Amino acid sequence: MELDRYELVLLKRPENQATISEEESDRLQELHLSHLNALTESGDILVVGPFDEQVDPTLRGMAIYKTGSLERTRGLATSDPAVIAGRLEVEVMYFFCPRGQL
């Protein structure tokens, strides 16, 4: 079976997340979603979304990128305003699935 390779980004809540106002949280969430939407529109992100009812509450969501390299994906993921503000952190790794499945 032939496999396609993608970059998987796990979005996680940091251990020592600073407390911010609800207004600032809402503003960062809007910027975060705009960032993800822009990357989806450009074709860098194929699939993105939040998690719910997960065992590990630090896991907030995931994105499957198609950039060709972990370095490029890491650069795009860490340029997310929520990551820059310390509200999220990312783990970047390769993800494989059967050719043509995504």
N, C-alpha and C. Protein backbone atom coordinates (compact mmCIF):
# COMPACT_ATOMS: atom_id res chain seq x y z
N MET A 1 0.84 -1.17 0.00
CA MET A 1 0.00 0.00 0.00
C MET A 1 0.89 1.24 0.00
N GLU A 2 0.56 2.18 -0.88
CA GLU A 2 1.29 3.44 -0.92
C GLU A 2 0.68 4.41 0.08
N LEU A 3 1.56 5.21 0.70
CA LEU A 3 1.11 6.14 1.73
C LEU A 3 1.41 7.58 1.33
N ASP A 4 0.53 8.48 1.73
CA ASP A 4 0.77 9.92 1.62
C ASP A 4 1.25 10.41 2.97
N ARG A 5 2.14 11.40 2.96
CA ARG A 5 2.68 11.96 4.19
C ARG A 5 2.17 13.39 4.37
N TYR A 6 1.67 13.65 5.53
CA TYR A 6 1.18 14.98 5.91
C TYR A 6 1.85 15.38 7.22
N GLU A 7 1.66 16.63 7.60
CA GLU A 7 2.17 17.11 8.88
C GLU A 7 0.97 17.27 9.82
N LEU A 8 1.07 16.69 10.99
CA LEU A 8 0.00 16.75 11.99
C LEU A 8 0.42 17.70 13.09
N VAL A 9 -0.47 18.62 13.44
CA VAL A 9 -0.21 19.56 14.53
C VAL A 9 -1.27 19.34 15.60
N LEU A 10 -0.80 19.03 16.80
CA LEU A 10 -1.68 18.97 17.97
C LEU A 10 -1.62 20.31 18.67
N LEU A 11 -2.78 20.88 18.94
CA LEU A 11 -2.87 22.13 19.68
C LEU A 11 -3.16 21.78 21.13
N LYS A 12 -2.32 22.28 22.03
CA LYS A 12 -2.43 21.91 23.44
C LYS A 12 -2.47 23.16 24.31
N ARG A 13 -3.12 23.04 25.44
CA ARG A 13 -3.12 24.10 26.45
C ARG A 13 -1.83 23.96 27.26
N PRO A 14 -1.04 25.03 27.36
CA PRO A 14 0.19 24.95 28.16
C PRO A 14 -0.10 24.73 29.64
N GLU A 15 0.86 24.13 30.34
CA GLU A 15 0.71 23.88 31.77
C GLU A 15 0.52 25.16 32.58
N ASN A 16 1.35 26.15 32.32
CA ASN A 16 1.33 27.38 33.11
C ASN A 16 0.72 28.53 32.31
N GLN A 17 -0.50 28.35 31.89
CA GLN A 17 -1.18 29.36 31.08
C GLN A 17 -1.54 30.56 31.94
N ALA A 18 -1.16 31.74 31.47
CA ALA A 18 -1.47 32.97 32.20
C ALA A 18 -2.97 33.24 32.16
N THR A 19 -3.46 33.86 33.22
CA THR A 19 -4.86 34.26 33.28
C THR A 19 -5.02 35.59 32.54
N ILE A 20 -6.01 35.64 31.66
CA ILE A 20 -6.28 36.87 30.92
C ILE A 20 -7.77 37.18 31.01
N SER A 21 -8.14 38.38 30.64
CA SER A 21 -9.54 38.78 30.70
C SER A 21 -10.35 38.03 29.64
N GLU A 22 -11.65 37.97 29.85
CA GLU A 22 -12.54 37.34 28.87
C GLU A 22 -12.47 38.08 27.55
N GLU A 23 -12.37 39.39 27.61
CA GLU A 23 -12.27 40.20 26.39
C GLU A 23 -11.01 39.85 25.60
N GLU A 24 -9.88 39.73 26.30
CA GLU A 24 -8.63 39.36 25.64
C GLU A 24 -8.70 37.94 25.10
N SER A 25 -9.32 37.04 25.84
CA SER A 25 -9.49 35.66 25.39
C SER A 25 -10.32 35.61 24.11
N ASP A 26 -11.40 36.38 24.07
CA ASP A 26 -12.25 36.44 22.87
C ASP A 26 -11.47 37.00 21.68
N ARG A 27 -10.68 38.05 21.93
CA ARG A 27 -9.89 38.67 20.86
C ARG A 27 -8.87 37.68 20.30
N LEU A 28 -8.18 36.97 21.19
CA LEU A 28 -7.21 35.97 20.73
C LEU A 28 -7.87 34.82 19.99
N GLN A 29 -9.04 34.42 20.42
CA GLN A 29 -9.75 33.34 19.73
C GLN A 29 -10.11 33.76 18.31
N GLU A 30 -10.55 35.00 18.15
CA GLU A 30 -10.87 35.50 16.79
C GLU A 30 -9.61 35.51 15.91
N LEU A 31 -8.51 35.98 16.47
CA LEU A 31 -7.25 35.99 15.71
C LEU A 31 -6.79 34.58 15.38
N HIS A 32 -6.94 33.67 16.34
CA HIS A 32 -6.57 32.25 16.15
C HIS A 32 -7.38 31.65 15.00
N LEU A 33 -8.70 31.85 15.02
CA LEU A 33 -9.55 31.29 13.97
C LEU A 33 -9.26 31.92 12.61
N SER A 34 -8.97 33.22 12.59
CA SER A 34 -8.61 33.88 11.33
C SER A 34 -7.32 33.30 10.76
N HIS A 35 -6.37 33.05 11.64
CA HIS A 35 -5.09 32.46 11.22
C HIS A 35 -5.34 31.08 10.59
N LEU A 36 -6.11 30.24 11.28
CA LEU A 36 -6.40 28.90 10.75
C LEU A 36 -7.18 28.96 9.45
N ASN A 37 -8.14 29.88 9.36
CA ASN A 37 -8.91 30.03 8.11
C ASN A 37 -8.02 30.45 6.95
N ALA A 38 -7.09 31.38 7.20
CA ALA A 38 -6.17 31.82 6.15
C ALA A 38 -5.30 30.67 5.66
N LEU A 39 -4.82 29.83 6.59
CA LEU A 39 -3.99 28.70 6.21
C LEU A 39 -4.80 27.63 5.47
N THR A 40 -6.07 27.50 5.82
CA THR A 40 -6.94 26.57 5.11
C THR A 40 -7.20 27.08 3.69
N GLU A 41 -7.49 28.37 3.56
CA GLU A 41 -7.73 28.96 2.24
C GLU A 41 -6.50 28.88 1.34
N SER A 42 -5.32 28.99 1.92
CA SER A 42 -4.09 28.92 1.12
C SER A 42 -3.72 27.49 0.73
N GLY A 43 -4.39 26.51 1.36
CA GLY A 43 -4.10 25.11 1.06
C GLY A 43 -3.06 24.48 1.96
N ASP A 44 -2.51 25.25 2.90
CA ASP A 44 -1.51 24.69 3.82
C ASP A 44 -2.14 23.76 4.84
N ILE A 45 -3.39 24.05 5.25
CA ILE A 45 -4.13 23.17 6.16
C ILE A 45 -5.23 22.47 5.37
N LEU A 46 -5.30 21.15 5.52
CA LEU A 46 -6.34 20.37 4.85
C LEU A 46 -7.55 20.15 5.74
N VAL A 47 -7.29 19.89 7.03
CA VAL A 47 -8.34 19.60 8.01
C VAL A 47 -7.94 20.24 9.33
N VAL A 48 -8.89 20.88 10.00
CA VAL A 48 -8.59 21.49 11.29
C VAL A 48 -9.85 21.50 12.14
N GLY A 49 -9.69 21.32 13.44
CA GLY A 49 -10.86 21.39 14.31
C GLY A 49 -10.51 21.12 15.77
N PRO A 50 -11.45 21.46 16.65
CA PRO A 50 -11.24 21.28 18.09
C PRO A 50 -11.62 19.87 18.53
N PHE A 51 -11.17 19.53 19.74
CA PHE A 51 -11.54 18.27 20.38
C PHE A 51 -12.61 18.54 21.44
N ASP A 52 -13.35 17.50 21.79
CA ASP A 52 -14.33 17.57 22.87
C ASP A 52 -14.40 16.20 23.52
N GLU A 53 -14.63 16.18 24.80
CA GLU A 53 -14.77 14.96 25.59
C GLU A 53 -13.53 14.06 25.51
N GLN A 54 -12.35 14.68 25.39
CA GLN A 54 -11.11 13.92 25.36
C GLN A 54 -10.66 13.61 26.79
N VAL A 55 -9.89 12.56 26.94
CA VAL A 55 -9.39 12.16 28.25
C VAL A 55 -8.39 13.18 28.78
N ASP A 56 -7.54 13.71 27.91
CA ASP A 56 -6.53 14.69 28.29
C ASP A 56 -7.06 16.09 28.00
N PRO A 57 -7.45 16.87 29.02
CA PRO A 57 -8.04 18.19 28.78
C PRO A 57 -7.05 19.21 28.21
N THR A 58 -5.75 18.90 28.21
CA THR A 58 -4.81 19.84 27.60
C THR A 58 -4.88 19.78 26.07
N LEU A 59 -5.39 18.69 25.51
CA LEU A 59 -5.53 18.59 24.06
C LEU A 59 -6.73 19.41 23.61
N ARG A 60 -6.48 20.44 22.80
CA ARG A 60 -7.53 21.36 22.40
C ARG A 60 -8.01 21.13 20.97
N GLY A 61 -7.13 20.66 20.08
CA GLY A 61 -7.53 20.44 18.69
C GLY A 61 -6.37 19.94 17.88
N MET A 62 -6.61 19.81 16.58
CA MET A 62 -5.57 19.33 15.67
C MET A 62 -5.76 19.91 14.29
N ALA A 63 -4.69 19.86 13.53
CA ALA A 63 -4.74 20.29 12.13
C ALA A 63 -3.84 19.37 11.33
N ILE A 64 -4.28 19.03 10.14
CA ILE A 64 -3.45 18.28 9.21
C ILE A 64 -3.01 19.26 8.13
N TYR A 65 -1.71 19.45 8.05
CA TYR A 65 -1.10 20.37 7.08
C TYR A 65 -0.55 19.58 5.91
N LYS A 66 -0.37 20.27 4.79
CA LYS A 66 0.31 19.70 3.62
C LYS A 66 1.28 20.78 3.11
N THR A 67 2.42 20.89 3.80
CA THR A 67 3.41 21.90 3.43
C THR A 67 4.68 21.29 2.84
N GLY A 68 4.90 20.00 3.11
CA GLY A 68 6.10 19.35 2.60
C GLY A 68 7.22 19.23 3.60
N SER A 69 7.11 19.94 4.74
CA SER A 69 8.18 19.81 5.73
C SER A 69 7.68 20.15 7.13
N LEU A 70 8.30 19.50 8.12
CA LEU A 70 7.97 19.80 9.51
C LEU A 70 8.38 21.23 9.86
N GLU A 71 9.50 21.69 9.31
CA GLU A 71 9.98 23.04 9.62
C GLU A 71 8.99 24.09 9.16
N ARG A 72 8.51 23.97 7.93
CA ARG A 72 7.53 24.95 7.41
C ARG A 72 6.25 24.89 8.23
N THR A 73 5.77 23.68 8.50
CA THR A 73 4.56 23.54 9.30
C THR A 73 4.74 24.13 10.69
N ARG A 74 5.87 23.84 11.31
CA ARG A 74 6.14 24.39 12.65
C ARG A 74 6.14 25.92 12.61
N GLY A 75 6.73 26.48 11.57
CA GLY A 75 6.75 27.93 11.43
C GLY A 75 5.36 28.52 11.30
N LEU A 76 4.52 27.89 10.50
CA LEU A 76 3.14 28.36 10.34
C LEU A 76 2.34 28.18 11.62
N ALA A 77 2.49 27.04 12.26
CA ALA A 77 1.72 26.76 13.48
C ALA A 77 2.13 27.68 14.62
N THR A 78 3.41 27.97 14.74
CA THR A 78 3.85 28.83 15.84
C THR A 78 3.62 30.31 15.55
N SER A 79 3.22 30.65 14.34
CA SER A 79 2.86 32.04 14.05
C SER A 79 1.40 32.33 14.38
N ASP A 80 0.69 31.34 14.88
CA ASP A 80 -0.69 31.51 15.34
C ASP A 80 -0.69 32.49 16.52
N PRO A 81 -1.52 33.54 16.47
CA PRO A 81 -1.56 34.50 17.58
C PRO A 81 -1.81 33.87 18.95
N ALA A 82 -2.58 32.79 19.02
CA ALA A 82 -2.83 32.13 20.30
C ALA A 82 -1.58 31.42 20.81
N VAL A 83 -0.75 30.93 19.91
CA VAL A 83 0.52 30.30 20.30
C VAL A 83 1.50 31.40 20.75
N ILE A 84 1.58 32.47 19.99
CA ILE A 84 2.48 33.57 20.34
C ILE A 84 2.11 34.13 21.72
N ALA A 85 0.82 34.22 22.02
CA ALA A 85 0.35 34.76 23.30
C ALA A 85 0.49 33.75 24.45
N GLY A 86 0.88 32.52 24.15
CA GLY A 86 1.05 31.51 25.19
C GLY A 86 -0.24 30.83 25.61
N ARG A 87 -1.32 31.00 24.84
CA ARG A 87 -2.59 30.35 25.14
C ARG A 87 -2.63 28.93 24.63
N LEU A 88 -1.85 28.64 23.59
CA LEU A 88 -1.73 27.30 23.02
C LEU A 88 -0.27 27.01 22.77
N GLU A 89 0.06 25.73 22.72
CA GLU A 89 1.36 25.28 22.26
C GLU A 89 1.12 24.18 21.23
N VAL A 90 2.11 23.90 20.42
CA VAL A 90 1.93 22.93 19.35
C VAL A 90 2.93 21.80 19.45
N GLU A 91 2.49 20.63 19.00
CA GLU A 91 3.35 19.48 18.75
C GLU A 91 3.21 19.17 17.27
N VAL A 92 4.31 19.04 16.58
CA VAL A 92 4.30 18.83 15.13
C VAL A 92 4.97 17.50 14.82
N MET A 93 4.32 16.71 13.99
CA MET A 93 4.84 15.39 13.63
C MET A 93 4.31 14.99 12.26
N TYR A 94 4.89 13.95 11.70
CA TYR A 94 4.36 13.42 10.43
C TYR A 94 3.19 12.49 10.70
N PHE A 95 2.27 12.47 9.75
CA PHE A 95 1.08 11.61 9.79
C PHE A 95 1.00 10.95 8.43
N PHE A 96 0.79 9.64 8.41
CA PHE A 96 0.70 8.89 7.17
C PHE A 96 -0.69 8.26 7.04
N CYS A 97 -1.21 8.24 5.83
CA CYS A 97 -2.46 7.54 5.58
C CYS A 97 -2.41 6.99 4.14
N PRO A 98 -3.30 6.03 3.83
CA PRO A 98 -3.30 5.46 2.50
C PRO A 98 -3.43 6.53 1.42
N ARG A 99 -2.65 6.39 0.36
CA ARG A 99 -2.65 7.35 -0.74
C ARG A 99 -4.07 7.63 -1.21
N GLY A 100 -4.38 8.92 -1.32
CA GLY A 100 -5.67 9.37 -1.83
C GLY A 100 -6.79 9.44 -0.79
N GLN A 101 -6.51 9.05 0.44
CA GLN A 101 -7.56 9.05 1.46
C GLN A 101 -7.95 10.47 1.87
N LEU A 102 -7.00 11.39 1.86
CA LEU A 102 -7.30 12.80 2.19
C LEU A 102 -7.27 13.64 0.93
